[in-house]
């Protein structure tokens, strides 16, 4: 089975295809509100996936994956905050009717 890259155009993280395959994620977002129970389920899914991988990694691989997870988390938080700020700016400059 061919790998689907984590990166598009060699410079942009692109996990949308992978995330799109997570039915529970799509279901949680379907109504536009992420409930506490849905977040808790996602946390459990994440912990399960981490446990499934962590024990099979060498120390060097573990260090690399730990850095990857930290960078991904930082990127996700920063992207979310950036998009929220952009939405506030757009809201502020859009004329009210």
PDB file of N, CA and C in Angstrom:
ATOM      1  N   UNK A   1       0.850  -1.179   0.000  1.00  0.00           N
ATOM      2  CA  UNK A   1       0.000   0.000   0.000  1.00  0.00           C
ATOM      3  C   UNK A   1       0.894   1.241   0.000  1.00  0.00           C
ATOM      4  N   UNK A   2       0.640   2.146  -0.917  1.00  0.00           N
ATOM      5  CA  UNK A   2       1.434   3.371  -1.015  1.00  0.00           C
ATOM      6  C   UNK A   2       1.082   4.323   0.121  1.00  0.00           C
ATOM      7  N   UNK A   3       2.093   5.008   0.607  1.00  0.00           N
ATOM      8  CA  UNK A   3       1.871   5.989   1.671  1.00  0.00           C
ATOM      9  C   UNK A   3       1.252   7.250   1.113  1.00  0.00           C
ATOM     10  N   UNK A   4       0.403   7.847   1.900  1.00  0.00           N
ATOM     11  CA  UNK A   4      -0.149   9.160   1.575  1.00  0.00           C
ATOM     12  C   UNK A   4       0.651  10.165   2.396  1.00  0.00           C
ATOM     13  N   UNK A   5       1.296  11.098   1.731  1.00  0.00           N
ATOM     14  CA  UNK A   5       2.207  12.019   2.410  1.00  0.00           C
ATOM     15  C   UNK A   5       1.494  12.889   3.443  1.00  0.00           C
ATOM     16  N   UNK A   6       2.240  13.266   4.461  1.00  0.00           N
ATOM     17  CA  UNK A   6       1.743  14.174   5.491  1.00  0.00           C
ATOM     18  C   UNK A   6       1.903  15.617   5.059  1.00  0.00           C
ATOM     19  N   UNK A   7       2.597  15.847   3.939  1.00  0.00           N
ATOM     20  CA  UNK A   7       2.953  17.199   3.521  1.00  0.00           C
ATOM     21  C   UNK A   7       2.531  17.404   2.075  1.00  0.00           C
ATOM     22  N   UNK A   8       1.895  18.538   1.796  1.00  0.00           N
ATOM     23  CA  UNK A   8       1.575  18.874   0.411  1.00  0.00           C
ATOM     24  C   UNK A   8       2.604  19.885  -0.076  1.00  0.00           C
ATOM     25  N   UNK A   9       2.891  19.888  -1.311  1.00  0.00           N
ATOM     26  CA  UNK A   9       3.826  20.812  -1.980  1.00  0.00           C
ATOM     27  C   UNK A   9       5.149  20.984  -1.237  1.00  0.00           C
ATOM     28  N   UNK A  10       5.554  19.962  -0.497  1.00  0.00           N
ATOM     29  CA  UNK A  10       6.843  19.933   0.210  1.00  0.00           C
ATOM     30  C   UNK A  10       6.996  20.962   1.329  1.00  0.00           C
ATOM     31  N   UNK A  11       5.950  21.746   1.627  1.00  0.00           N
ATOM     32  CA  UNK A  11       6.123  22.760   2.674  1.00  0.00           C
ATOM     33  C   UNK A  11       4.907  22.970   3.557  1.00  0.00           C
ATOM     34  N   UNK A  12       3.783  22.382   3.225  1.00  0.00           N
ATOM     35  CA  UNK A  12       2.556  22.637   3.970  1.00  0.00           C
ATOM     36  C   UNK A  12       2.031  21.346   4.584  1.00  0.00           C
ATOM     37  N   UNK A  13       1.817  21.336   5.906  1.00  0.00           N
ATOM     38  CA  UNK A  13       1.223  20.141   6.512  1.00  0.00           C
ATOM     39  C   UNK A  13      -0.135  19.870   5.863  1.00  0.00           C
ATOM     40  N   UNK A  14      -0.402  18.632   5.541  1.00  0.00           N
ATOM     41  CA  UNK A  14      -1.659  18.281   4.895  1.00  0.00           C
ATOM     42  C   UNK A  14      -2.152  16.947   5.423  1.00  0.00           C
ATOM     43  N   UNK A  15      -2.868  17.009   6.501  1.00  0.00           N
ATOM     44  CA  UNK A  15      -3.417  15.794   7.092  1.00  0.00           C
ATOM     45  C   UNK A  15      -4.926  15.708   6.876  1.00  0.00           C
ATOM     46  N   UNK A  16      -5.471  16.621   6.056  1.00  0.00           N
ATOM     47  CA  UNK A  16      -6.917  16.657   5.841  1.00  0.00           C
ATOM     48  C   UNK A  16      -7.472  15.323   5.361  1.00  0.00           C
ATOM     49  N   UNK A  17      -6.757  14.681   4.447  1.00  0.00           N
ATOM     50  CA  UNK A  17      -7.220  13.386   3.924  1.00  0.00           C
ATOM     51  C   UNK A  17      -7.310  12.365   5.056  1.00  0.00           C
ATOM     52  N   UNK A  18      -6.312  12.366   5.925  1.00  0.00           N
ATOM     53  CA  UNK A  18      -6.289  11.423   7.041  1.00  0.00           C
ATOM     54  C   UNK A  18      -7.380  11.750   8.054  1.00  0.00           C
ATOM     55  N   UNK A  19      -7.531  13.016   8.363  1.00  0.00           N
ATOM     56  CA  UNK A  19      -8.571  13.436   9.317  1.00  0.00           C
ATOM     57  C   UNK A  19      -9.953  13.153   8.739  1.00  0.00           C
ATOM     58  N   UNK A  20     -10.086  13.353   7.430  1.00  0.00           N
ATOM     59  CA  UNK A  20     -11.370  13.100   6.776  1.00  0.00           C
ATOM     60  C   UNK A  20     -11.839  11.664   6.884  1.00  0.00           C
ATOM     61  N   UNK A  21     -10.914  10.753   7.116  1.00  0.00           N
ATOM     62  CA  UNK A  21     -11.270   9.342   7.263  1.00  0.00           C
ATOM     63  C   UNK A  21     -11.740   9.007   8.676  1.00  0.00           C
ATOM     64  N   UNK A  22     -11.641   9.953   9.591  1.00  0.00           N
ATOM     65  CA  UNK A  22     -12.081   9.724  10.969  1.00  0.00           C
ATOM     66  C   UNK A  22     -13.572  10.044  11.074  1.00  0.00           C
ATOM     67  N   UNK A  23     -14.391   9.014  10.972  1.00  0.00           N
ATOM     68  CA  UNK A  23     -15.844   9.215  10.980  1.00  0.00           C
ATOM     69  C   UNK A  23     -16.322   9.913  12.243  1.00  0.00           C
ATOM     70  N   UNK A  24     -15.722   9.577  13.387  1.00  0.00           N
ATOM     71  CA  UNK A  24     -16.142  10.196  14.645  1.00  0.00           C
ATOM     72  C   UNK A  24     -15.857  11.704  14.642  1.00  0.00           C
ATOM     73  N   UNK A  25     -14.813  12.123  13.945  1.00  0.00           N
ATOM     74  CA  UNK A  25     -14.483  13.539  13.842  1.00  0.00           C
ATOM     75  C   UNK A  25     -15.542  14.258  13.020  1.00  0.00           C
ATOM     76  N   UNK A  26     -15.870  13.712  11.864  1.00  0.00           N
ATOM     77  CA  UNK A  26     -16.895  14.313  11.010  1.00  0.00           C
ATOM     78  C   UNK A  26     -18.233  14.368  11.736  1.00  0.00           C
ATOM     79  N   UNK A  27     -18.545  13.320  12.439  1.00  0.00           N
ATOM     80  CA  UNK A  27     -19.801  13.276  13.183  1.00  0.00           C
ATOM     81  C   UNK A  27     -19.841  14.340  14.284  1.00  0.00           C
ATOM     82  N   UNK A  28     -18.712  14.508  14.973  1.00  0.00           N
ATOM     83  CA  UNK A  28     -18.652  15.502  16.055  1.00  0.00           C
ATOM     84  C   UNK A  28     -18.815  16.921  15.519  1.00  0.00           C
ATOM     85  N   UNK A  29     -18.314  17.177  14.306  1.00  0.00           N
ATOM     86  CA  UNK A  29     -18.390  18.526  13.733  1.00  0.00           C
ATOM     87  C   UNK A  29     -19.670  18.793  12.963  1.00  0.00           C
ATOM     88  N   UNK A  30     -20.449  17.769  12.708  1.00  0.00           N
ATOM     89  CA  UNK A  30     -21.622  17.890  11.838  1.00  0.00           C
ATOM     90  C   UNK A  30     -22.595  18.974  12.288  1.00  0.00           C
ATOM     91  N   UNK A  31     -22.791  19.134  13.581  1.00  0.00           N
ATOM     92  CA  UNK A  31     -23.741  20.140  14.057  1.00  0.00           C
ATOM     93  C   UNK A  31     -23.076  21.469  14.398  1.00  0.00           C
ATOM     94  N   UNK A  32     -21.767  21.566  14.161  1.00  0.00           N
ATOM     95  CA  UNK A  32     -21.062  22.823  14.401  1.00  0.00           C
ATOM     96  C   UNK A  32     -20.688  23.073  15.855  1.00  0.00           C
ATOM     97  N   UNK A  33     -20.969  22.125  16.715  1.00  0.00           N
ATOM     98  CA  UNK A  33     -20.660  22.263  18.136  1.00  0.00           C
ATOM     99  C   UNK A  33     -19.939  20.999  18.596  1.00  0.00           C
ATOM    100  N   UNK A  34     -18.806  21.190  19.262  1.00  0.00           N
ATOM    101  CA  UNK A  34     -18.088  20.049  19.825  1.00  0.00           C
ATOM    102  C   UNK A  34     -18.478  19.953  21.296  1.00  0.00           C
ATOM    103  N   UNK A  35     -19.209  18.914  21.611  1.00  0.00           N
ATOM    104  CA  UNK A  35     -19.669  18.689  22.980  1.00  0.00           C
ATOM    105  C   UNK A  35     -18.516  18.150  23.830  1.00  0.00           C
ATOM    106  N   UNK A  36     -18.626  18.331  25.138  1.00  0.00           N
ATOM    107  CA  UNK A  36     -17.601  17.835  26.067  1.00  0.00           C
ATOM    108  C   UNK A  36     -17.418  16.326  25.908  1.00  0.00           C
ATOM    109  N   UNK A  37     -18.504  15.610  25.690  1.00  0.00           N
ATOM    110  CA  UNK A  37     -18.413  14.148  25.538  1.00  0.00           C
ATOM    111  C   UNK A  37     -17.672  13.783  24.255  1.00  0.00           C
ATOM    112  N   UNK A  38     -17.859  14.562  23.193  1.00  0.00           N
ATOM    113  CA  UNK A  38     -17.155  14.307  21.930  1.00  0.00           C
ATOM    114  C   UNK A  38     -15.661  14.589  22.090  1.00  0.00           C
ATOM    115  N   UNK A  39     -15.344  15.638  22.819  1.00  0.00           N
ATOM    116  CA  UNK A  39     -13.939  15.960  23.086  1.00  0.00           C
ATOM    117  C   UNK A  39     -13.305  14.861  23.933  1.00  0.00           C
ATOM    118  N   UNK A  40     -14.039  14.374  24.911  1.00  0.00           N
ATOM    119  CA  UNK A  40     -13.547  13.293  25.762  1.00  0.00           C
ATOM    120  C   UNK A  40     -13.298  12.020  24.947  1.00  0.00           C
ATOM    121  N   UNK A  41     -14.197  11.722  24.027  1.00  0.00           N
ATOM    122  CA  UNK A  41     -14.029  10.560  23.146  1.00  0.00           C
ATOM    123  C   UNK A  41     -12.790  10.725  22.283  1.00  0.00           C
ATOM    124  N   UNK A  42     -12.584  11.936  21.743  1.00  0.00           N
ATOM    125  CA  UNK A  42     -11.408  12.178  20.912  1.00  0.00           C
ATOM    126  C   UNK A  42     -10.131  12.057  21.736  1.00  0.00           C
ATOM    127  N   UNK A  43     -10.169  12.528  22.974  1.00  0.00           N
ATOM    128  CA  UNK A  43      -9.004  12.396  23.850  1.00  0.00           C
ATOM    129  C   UNK A  43      -8.680  10.917  24.072  1.00  0.00           C
ATOM    130  N   UNK A  44      -9.700  10.117  24.309  1.00  0.00           N
ATOM    131  CA  UNK A  44      -9.487   8.678  24.506  1.00  0.00           C
ATOM    132  C   UNK A  44      -8.931   8.033  23.234  1.00  0.00           C
ATOM    133  N   UNK A  45      -9.423   8.456  22.075  1.00  0.00           N
ATOM    134  CA  UNK A  45      -8.908   7.932  20.805  1.00  0.00           C
ATOM    135  C   UNK A  45      -7.435   8.290  20.640  1.00  0.00           C
ATOM    136  N   UNK A  46      -7.079   9.513  20.995  1.00  0.00           N
ATOM    137  CA  UNK A  46      -5.698   9.968  20.896  1.00  0.00           C
ATOM    138  C   UNK A  46      -4.798   9.165  21.829  1.00  0.00           C
ATOM    139  N   UNK A  47      -5.206   9.005  23.067  1.00  0.00           N
ATOM    140  CA  UNK A  47      -4.408   8.244  24.038  1.00  0.00           C
ATOM    141  C   UNK A  47      -4.231   6.807  23.557  1.00  0.00           C
ATOM    142  N   UNK A  48      -5.281   6.210  23.026  1.00  0.00           N
ATOM    143  CA  UNK A  48      -5.204   4.846  22.517  1.00  0.00           C
ATOM    144  C   UNK A  48      -4.209   4.750  21.358  1.00  0.00           C
ATOM    145  N   UNK A  49      -4.277   5.706  20.428  1.00  0.00           N
ATOM    146  CA  UNK A  49      -3.344   5.707  19.289  1.00  0.00           C
ATOM    147  C   UNK A  49      -1.912   5.922  19.758  1.00  0.00           C
ATOM    148  N   UNK A  50      -1.722   6.794  20.738  1.00  0.00           N
ATOM    149  CA  UNK A  50      -0.379   7.046  21.265  1.00  0.00           C
ATOM    150  C   UNK A  50       0.182   5.795  21.938  1.00  0.00           C
ATOM    151  N   UNK A  51      -0.638   5.113  22.728  1.00  0.00           N
ATOM    152  CA  UNK A  51      -0.194   3.891  23.397  1.00  0.00           C
ATOM    153  C   UNK A  51       0.151   2.804  22.388  1.00  0.00           C
ATOM    154  N   UNK A  52      -0.624   2.734  21.305  1.00  0.00           N
ATOM    155  CA  UNK A  52      -0.391   1.715  20.287  1.00  0.00           C
ATOM    156  C   UNK A  52       0.953   1.910  19.592  1.00  0.00           C
ATOM    157  N   UNK A  53       1.408   3.136  19.491  1.00  0.00           N
ATOM    158  CA  UNK A  53       2.650   3.440  18.778  1.00  0.00           C
ATOM    159  C   UNK A  53       3.844   3.540  19.719  1.00  0.00           C
ATOM    160  N   UNK A  54       3.664   4.170  20.868  1.00  0.00           N
ATOM    161  CA  UNK A  54       4.786   4.507  21.740  1.00  0.00           C
ATOM    162  C   UNK A  54       5.658   3.314  22.106  1.00  0.00           C
ATOM    163  N   UNK A  55       5.040   2.220  22.457  1.00  0.00           N
ATOM    164  CA  UNK A  55       5.802   1.052  22.894  1.00  0.00           C
ATOM    165  C   UNK A  55       6.618   0.383  21.798  1.00  0.00           C
ATOM    166  N   UNK A  56       6.278   0.662  20.549  1.00  0.00           N
ATOM    167  CA  UNK A  56       6.985   0.013  19.448  1.00  0.00           C
ATOM    168  C   UNK A  56       8.137   0.854  18.892  1.00  0.00           C
ATOM    169  N   UNK A  57       8.366   2.017  19.470  1.00  0.00           N
ATOM    170  CA  UNK A  57       9.391   2.926  18.960  1.00  0.00           C
ATOM    171  C   UNK A  57      10.720   2.754  19.686  1.00  0.00           C
ATOM    172  N   UNK A  58      11.801   2.878  18.926  1.00  0.00           N
ATOM    173  CA  UNK A  58      13.119   2.943  19.553  1.00  0.00           C
ATOM    174  C   UNK A  58      13.222   4.309  20.244  1.00  0.00           C
ATOM    175  N   UNK A  59      14.241   4.497  21.056  1.00  0.00           N
ATOM    176  CA  UNK A  59      14.416   5.786  21.725  1.00  0.00           C
ATOM    177  C   UNK A  59      14.555   6.925  20.727  1.00  0.00           C
ATOM    178  N   UNK A  60      15.290   6.678  19.638  1.00  0.00           N
ATOM    179  CA  UNK A  60      15.474   7.715  18.613  1.00  0.00           C
ATOM    180  C   UNK A  60      14.155   8.028  17.912  1.00  0.00           C
ATOM    181  N   UNK A  61      13.399   7.001  17.557  1.00  0.00           N
ATOM    182  CA  UNK A  61      12.102   7.208  16.920  1.00  0.00           C
ATOM    183  C   UNK A  61      11.143   7.915  17.880  1.00  0.00           C
ATOM    184  N   UNK A  62      11.189   7.513  19.149  1.00  0.00           N
ATOM    185  CA  UNK A  62      10.321   8.133  20.153  1.00  0.00           C
ATOM    186  C   UNK A  62      10.605   9.621  20.251  1.00  0.00           C
ATOM    187  N   UNK A  63      11.857  10.003  20.263  1.00  0.00           N
ATOM    188  CA  UNK A  63      12.218  11.427  20.327  1.00  0.00           C
ATOM    189  C   UNK A  63      11.698  12.174  19.104  1.00  0.00           C
ATOM    190  N   UNK A  64      11.818  11.557  17.934  1.00  0.00           N
ATOM    191  CA  UNK A  64      11.346  12.198  16.703  1.00  0.00           C
ATOM    192  C   UNK A  64       9.818  12.347  16.699  1.00  0.00           C
ATOM    193  N   UNK A  65       9.122  11.300  17.103  1.00  0.00           N
ATOM    194  CA  UNK A  65       7.657  11.355  17.126  1.00  0.00           C
ATOM    195  C   UNK A  65       7.176  12.331  18.198  1.00  0.00           C
ATOM    196  N   UNK A  66       7.874  12.388  19.338  1.00  0.00           N
ATOM    197  CA  UNK A  66       7.518  13.346  20.383  1.00  0.00           C
ATOM    198  C   UNK A  66       7.637  14.767  19.849  1.00  0.00           C
ATOM    199  N   UNK A  67       8.715  15.063  19.140  1.00  0.00           N
ATOM    200  CA  UNK A  67       8.886  16.393  18.535  1.00  0.00           C
ATOM    201  C   UNK A  67       7.802  16.649  17.502  1.00  0.00           C
ATOM    202  N   UNK A  68       7.493  15.649  16.688  1.00  0.00           N
ATOM    203  CA  UNK A  68       6.429  15.786  15.694  1.00  0.00           C
ATOM    204  C   UNK A  68       5.098  16.125  16.347  1.00  0.00           C
ATOM    205  N   UNK A  69       4.749  15.403  17.392  1.00  0.00           N
ATOM    206  CA  UNK A  69       3.480  15.656  18.078  1.00  0.00           C
ATOM    207  C   UNK A  69       3.452  17.052  18.703  1.00  0.00           C
ATOM    208  N   UNK A  70       4.568  17.475  19.293  1.00  0.00           N
ATOM    209  CA  UNK A  70       4.639  18.807  19.896  1.00  0.00           C
ATOM    210  C   UNK A  70       4.503  19.888  18.823  1.00  0.00           C
ATOM    211  N   UNK A  71       5.208  19.725  17.693  1.00  0.00           N
ATOM    212  CA  UNK A  71       5.129  20.707  16.606  1.00  0.00           C
ATOM    213  C   UNK A  71       3.728  20.740  16.004  1.00  0.00           C
ATOM    214  N   UNK A  72       3.113  19.581  15.852  1.00  0.00           N
ATOM    215  CA  UNK A  72       1.747  19.509  15.313  1.00  0.00           C
ATOM    216  C   UNK A  72       0.763  20.205  16.242  1.00  0.00           C
ATOM    217  N   UNK A  73       0.906  19.965  17.529  1.00  0.00           N
ATOM    218  CA  UNK A  73       0.026  20.610  18.499  1.00  0.00           C
ATOM    219  C   UNK A  73       0.211  22.120  18.486  1.00  0.00           C
ATOM    220  N   UNK A  74       1.458  22.578  18.468  1.00  0.00           N
ATOM    221  CA  UNK A  74       1.733  24.014  18.418  1.00  0.00           C
ATOM    222  C   UNK A  74       1.154  24.631  17.150  1.00  0.00           C
ATOM    223  N   UNK A  75       1.342  23.967  16.003  1.00  0.00           N
ATOM    224  CA  UNK A  75       0.807  24.462  14.739  1.00  0.00           C
ATOM    225  C   UNK A  75      -0.717  24.548  14.786  1.00  0.00           C
ATOM    226  N   UNK A  76      -1.340  23.522  15.314  1.00  0.00           N
ATOM    227  CA  UNK A  76      -2.804  23.485  15.390  1.00  0.00           C
ATOM    228  C   UNK A  76      -3.343  24.628  16.244  1.00  0.00           C
ATOM    229  N   UNK A  77      -2.733  24.851  17.398  1.00  0.00           N
ATOM    230  CA  UNK A  77      -3.171  25.949  18.278  1.00  0.00           C
ATOM    231  C   UNK A  77      -2.950  27.292  17.596  1.00  0.00           C
ATOM    232  N   UNK A  78      -1.763  27.480  17.017  1.00  0.00           N
ATOM    233  CA  UNK A  78      -1.455  28.751  16.367  1.00  0.00           C
ATOM    234  C   UNK A  78      -2.376  29.000  15.164  1.00  0.00           C
ATOM    235  N   UNK A  79      -2.639  27.967  14.382  1.00  0.00           N
ATOM    236  CA  UNK A  79      -3.526  28.118  13.214  1.00  0.00           C
ATOM    237  C   UNK A  79      -4.941  28.468  13.656  1.00  0.00           C
ATOM    238  N   UNK A  80      -5.422  27.807  14.695  1.00  0.00           N
ATOM    239  CA  UNK A  80      -6.761  28.099  15.211  1.00  0.00           C
ATOM    240  C   UNK A  80      -6.848  29.539  15.700  1.00  0.00           C
ATOM    241  N   UNK A  81      -5.865  29.974  16.473  1.00  0.00           N
ATOM    242  CA  UNK A  81      -5.865  31.352  16.972  1.00  0.00           C
ATOM    243  C   UNK A  81      -5.770  32.356  15.828  1.00  0.00           C
ATOM    244  N   UNK A  82      -4.966  32.070  14.820  1.00  0.00           N
ATOM    245  CA  UNK A  82      -4.845  32.946  13.656  1.00  0.00           C
ATOM    246  C   UNK A  82      -6.181  33.053  12.918  1.00  0.00           C
ATOM    247  N   UNK A  83      -6.829  31.907  12.703  1.00  0.00           N
ATOM    248  CA  UNK A  83      -8.108  31.906  11.994  1.00  0.00           C
ATOM    249  C   UNK A  83      -9.188  32.628  12.791  1.00  0.00           C
ATOM    250  N   UNK A  84      -9.179  32.477  14.103  1.00  0.00           N
ATOM    251  CA  UNK A  84     -10.141  33.200  14.940  1.00  0.00           C
ATOM    252  C   UNK A  84      -9.907  34.705  14.853  1.00  0.00           C
ATOM    253  N   UNK A  85      -8.640  35.115  14.870  1.00  0.00           N
ATOM    254  CA  UNK A  85      -8.308  36.535  14.758  1.00  0.00           C
ATOM    255  C   UNK A  85      -8.735  37.068  13.400  1.00  0.00           C
ATOM    256  N   UNK A  86      -8.502  36.297  12.339  1.00  0.00           N
ATOM    257  CA  UNK A  86      -8.913  36.718  10.997  1.00  0.00           C
ATOM    258  C   UNK A  86     -10.427  36.868  10.924  1.00  0.00           C
ATOM    259  N   UNK A  87     -11.146  35.957  11.548  1.00  0.00           N
ATOM    260  CA  UNK A  87     -12.609  36.028  11.547  1.00  0.00           C
ATOM    261  C   UNK A  87     -13.092  37.268  12.293  1.00  0.00           C
ATOM    262  N   UNK A  88     -12.419  37.616  13.388  1.00  0.00           N
ATOM    263  CA  UNK A  88     -12.813  38.834  14.133  1.00  0.00           C
ATOM    264  C   UNK A  88     -12.566  40.071  13.298  1.00  0.00           C
ATOM    265  N   UNK A  89     -11.449  40.112  12.590  1.00  0.00           N
ATOM    266  CA  UNK A  89     -11.145  41.253  11.727  1.00  0.00           C
ATOM    267  C   UNK A  89     -12.193  41.352  10.635  1.00  0.00           C
ATOM    268  N   UNK A  90     -12.505  40.223  10.012  1.00  0.00           N
ATOM    269  CA  UNK A  90     -13.514  40.222   8.946  1.00  0.00           C
ATOM    270  C   UNK A  90     -14.858  40.686   9.475  1.00  0.00           C
ATOM    271  N   UNK A  91     -15.215  40.257  10.660  1.00  0.00           N
ATOM    272  CA  UNK A  91     -16.475  40.656  11.272  1.00  0.00           C
ATOM    273  C   UNK A  91     -16.473  42.160  11.554  1.00  0.00           C
ATOM    274  N   UNK A  92     -15.341  42.688  11.994  1.00  0.00           N
ATOM    275  CA  UNK A  92     -15.251  44.111  12.329  1.00  0.00           C
ATOM    276  C   UNK A  92     -15.338  44.994  11.096  1.00  0.00           C
ATOM    277  N   UNK A  93     -14.840  44.529   9.954  1.00  0.00           N
ATOM    278  CA  UNK A  93     -14.833  45.365   8.758  1.00  0.00           C
ATOM    279  C   UNK A  93     -16.037  45.138   7.855  1.00  0.00           C
ATOM    280  N   UNK A  94     -16.812  44.100   8.114  1.00  0.00           N
ATOM    281  CA  UNK A  94     -17.991  43.842   7.311  1.00  0.00           C
ATOM    282  C   UNK A  94     -19.112  44.781   7.756  1.00  0.00           C
ATOM    283  N   UNK A  95     -19.660  45.551   6.801  1.00  0.00           N
ATOM    284  CA  UNK A  95     -20.744  46.481   7.169  1.00  0.00           C
ATOM    285  C   UNK A  95     -21.957  45.736   7.700  1.00  0.00           C
ATOM    286  N   UNK A  96     -22.544  46.275   8.737  1.00  0.00           N
ATOM    287  CA  UNK A  96     -23.755  45.699   9.318  1.00  0.00           C
ATOM    288  C   UNK A  96     -24.950  46.250   8.559  1.00  0.00           C
ATOM    289  N   UNK A  97     -25.873  45.351   8.249  1.00  0.00           N
ATOM    290  CA  UNK A  97     -27.056  45.794   7.499  1.00  0.00           C
ATOM    291  C   UNK A  97     -28.272  45.843   8.363  1.00  0.00           C
TER     292      UNK A  97
END
